[in-house]
Amino acid sequence: MQLTDKHRRYWRKNLNITAILLVIWFVVTFVVSYYARELSFNFFGWPFSFWMGAQGSLVIYVAIIGFYARYMGQLDIEHGVEESEE
């Protein structure tokens, strides 16, 4: 199957958003925990590193999933590959 220019643009946008969201995931998961001792300021009444470990990272993960689902739904509609509701 030969890819059209429209398919290439769709796939490129998909790869770009996936890469950006994976970088955010990496920062939240590994960089924040690596620098936890240096991130000792209060955030919502708790030390930032503790808050991120307890619930902040989970909130960001859910936000990443929600953003990706919404973005891909809009991208599917833009490129005419949305799922039918039959």
C-alpha atoms as a PDB file:
ATOM      1  CA  MET A   1       0.000   0.000   0.000  1.00  0.00           C
ATOM      2  CA  GLN A   2       1.401   3.347  -1.027  1.00  0.00           C
ATOM      3  CA  LEU A   3       1.051   6.133   1.537  1.00  0.00           C
ATOM      4  CA  THR A   4      -0.427   9.375   0.334  1.00  0.00           C
ATOM      5  CA  ASP A   5       0.850  12.783   1.381  1.00  0.00           C
ATOM      6  CA  LYS A   6      -2.154  13.120   3.693  1.00  0.00           C
ATOM      7  CA  HIS A   7      -1.260   9.837   5.446  1.00  0.00           C
ATOM      8  CA  ARG A   8       2.347  10.985   5.892  1.00  0.00           C
ATOM      9  CA  ARG A   9       1.220  14.275   7.501  1.00  0.00           C
ATOM     10  CA  TYR A  10      -1.142  12.374   9.797  1.00  0.00           C
ATOM     11  CA  TRP A  11       1.583   9.940  10.834  1.00  0.00           C
ATOM     12  CA  ARG A  12       4.138  12.746  11.322  1.00  0.00           C
ATOM     13  CA  LYS A  13       1.759  14.669  13.603  1.00  0.00           C
ATOM     14  CA  ASN A  14       1.034  11.463  15.520  1.00  0.00           C
ATOM     15  CA  LEU A  15       4.747  10.771  16.031  1.00  0.00           C
ATOM     16  CA  ASN A  16       5.449  14.385  17.060  1.00  0.00           C
ATOM     17  CA  ILE A  17       2.758  14.489  19.736  1.00  0.00           C
ATOM     18  CA  THR A  18       3.776  11.040  20.996  1.00  0.00           C
ATOM     19  CA  ALA A  19       7.408  12.155  21.301  1.00  0.00           C
ATOM     20  CA  ILE A  20       6.460  15.354  23.152  1.00  0.00           C
ATOM     21  CA  LEU A  21       4.215  13.489  25.581  1.00  0.00           C
ATOM     22  CA  LEU A  22       6.890  10.839  26.176  1.00  0.00           C
ATOM     23  CA  VAL A  23       9.393  13.575  27.055  1.00  0.00           C
ATOM     24  CA  ILE A  24       6.898  15.020  29.552  1.00  0.00           C
ATOM     25  CA  TRP A  25       6.347  11.524  30.989  1.00  0.00           C
ATOM     26  CA  PHE A  26      10.106  10.977  31.296  1.00  0.00           C
ATOM     27  CA  VAL A  27      10.617  14.301  33.085  1.00  0.00           C
ATOM     28  CA  VAL A  28       7.760  13.650  35.516  1.00  0.00           C
ATOM     29  CA  THR A  29       8.836  10.071  36.206  1.00  0.00           C
ATOM     30  CA  PHE A  30      12.630  10.183  36.297  1.00  0.00           C
ATOM     31  CA  VAL A  31      13.925  13.760  36.406  1.00  0.00           C
ATOM     32  CA  VAL A  32      11.704  14.897  39.285  1.00  0.00           C
ATOM     33  CA  SER A  33      12.592  11.834  41.365  1.00  0.00           C
ATOM     34  CA  TYR A  34      16.308  12.237  40.577  1.00  0.00           C
ATOM     35  CA  TYR A  35      16.289  15.844  41.801  1.00  0.00           C
ATOM     36  CA  ALA A  36      13.849  15.227  44.673  1.00  0.00           C
ATOM     37  CA  ARG A  37      16.174  16.557  47.379  1.00  0.00           C
ATOM     38  CA  GLU A  38      16.770  19.806  45.501  1.00  0.00           C
ATOM     39  CA  LEU A  39      13.016  20.274  44.973  1.00  0.00           C
ATOM     40  CA  SER A  40      12.336  20.922  48.646  1.00  0.00           C
ATOM     41  CA  PHE A  41       9.927  23.883  48.372  1.00  0.00           C
ATOM     42  CA  ASN A  42       6.352  23.651  49.660  1.00  0.00           C
ATOM     43  CA  PHE A  43       3.578  22.925  47.181  1.00  0.00           C
ATOM     44  CA  PHE A  44      -0.027  22.838  48.474  1.00  0.00           C
ATOM     45  CA  GLY A  45       1.366  22.559  51.993  1.00  0.00           C
ATOM     46  CA  TRP A  46       3.629  19.586  51.265  1.00  0.00           C
ATOM     47  CA  PRO A  47       7.226  19.297  50.065  1.00  0.00           C
ATOM     48  CA  PHE A  48       7.103  19.288  46.260  1.00  0.00           C
ATOM     49  CA  SER A  49       9.001  16.014  45.877  1.00  0.00           C
ATOM     50  CA  PHE A  50       6.588  14.243  48.263  1.00  0.00           C
ATOM     51  CA  TRP A  51       3.543  15.723  46.518  1.00  0.00           C
ATOM     52  CA  MET A  52       4.823  14.616  43.093  1.00  0.00           C
ATOM     53  CA  GLY A  53       5.502  11.105  44.356  1.00  0.00           C
ATOM     54  CA  ALA A  54       2.174  10.812  46.151  1.00  0.00           C
ATOM     55  CA  GLN A  55      -0.250  12.272  43.637  1.00  0.00           C
ATOM     56  CA  GLY A  56       1.232  14.905  41.342  1.00  0.00           C
ATOM     57  CA  SER A  57       2.711  12.458  38.880  1.00  0.00           C
ATOM     58  CA  LEU A  58      -0.570  10.526  38.712  1.00  0.00           C
ATOM     59  CA  VAL A  59      -2.472  13.723  37.938  1.00  0.00           C
ATOM     60  CA  ILE A  60      -0.021  14.525  35.155  1.00  0.00           C
ATOM     61  CA  TYR A  61      -0.277  10.974  33.736  1.00  0.00           C
ATOM     62  CA  VAL A  62      -4.076  11.257  33.567  1.00  0.00           C
ATOM     63  CA  ALA A  63      -3.750  14.685  31.941  1.00  0.00           C
ATOM     64  CA  ILE A  64      -1.347  13.243  29.335  1.00  0.00           C
ATOM     65  CA  ILE A  65      -3.796  10.443  28.513  1.00  0.00           C
ATOM     66  CA  GLY A  66      -6.744  12.845  28.292  1.00  0.00           C
ATOM     67  CA  PHE A  67      -4.833  15.291  26.098  1.00  0.00           C
ATOM     68  CA  TYR A  68      -3.639  12.518  23.767  1.00  0.00           C
ATOM     69  CA  ALA A  69      -7.147  11.075  23.379  1.00  0.00           C
ATOM     70  CA  ARG A  70      -8.655  14.500  22.622  1.00  0.00           C
ATOM     71  CA  TYR A  71      -5.825  15.499  20.270  1.00  0.00           C
ATOM     72  CA  MET A  72      -5.958  12.236  18.316  1.00  0.00           C
ATOM     73  CA  GLY A  73      -9.750  12.461  18.046  1.00  0.00           C
ATOM     74  CA  GLN A  74      -9.410  15.914  16.489  1.00  0.00           C
ATOM     75  CA  LEU A  75      -6.566  14.732  14.249  1.00  0.00           C
ATOM     76  CA  ASP A  76      -8.641  11.760  13.073  1.00  0.00           C
ATOM     77  CA  ILE A  77     -11.518  14.084  12.141  1.00  0.00           C
ATOM     78  CA  GLU A  78      -9.117  16.496  10.400  1.00  0.00           C
ATOM     79  CA  HIS A  79      -7.704  13.695   8.234  1.00  0.00           C
ATOM     80  CA  GLY A  80     -10.963  11.807   7.712  1.00  0.00           C
ATOM     81  CA  VAL A  81     -10.038   8.618   9.572  1.00  0.00           C
ATOM     82  CA  GLU A  82     -12.403   8.932  12.556  1.00  0.00           C
ATOM     83  CA  GLU A  83     -14.261   5.864  13.785  1.00  0.00           C
ATOM     84  CA  SER A  84     -17.905   5.497  12.845  1.00  0.00           C
ATOM     85  CA  GLU A  85     -20.477   5.048  15.615  1.00  0.00           C
ATOM     86  CA  GLU A  86     -22.337   2.139  14.024  1.00  0.00           C
END
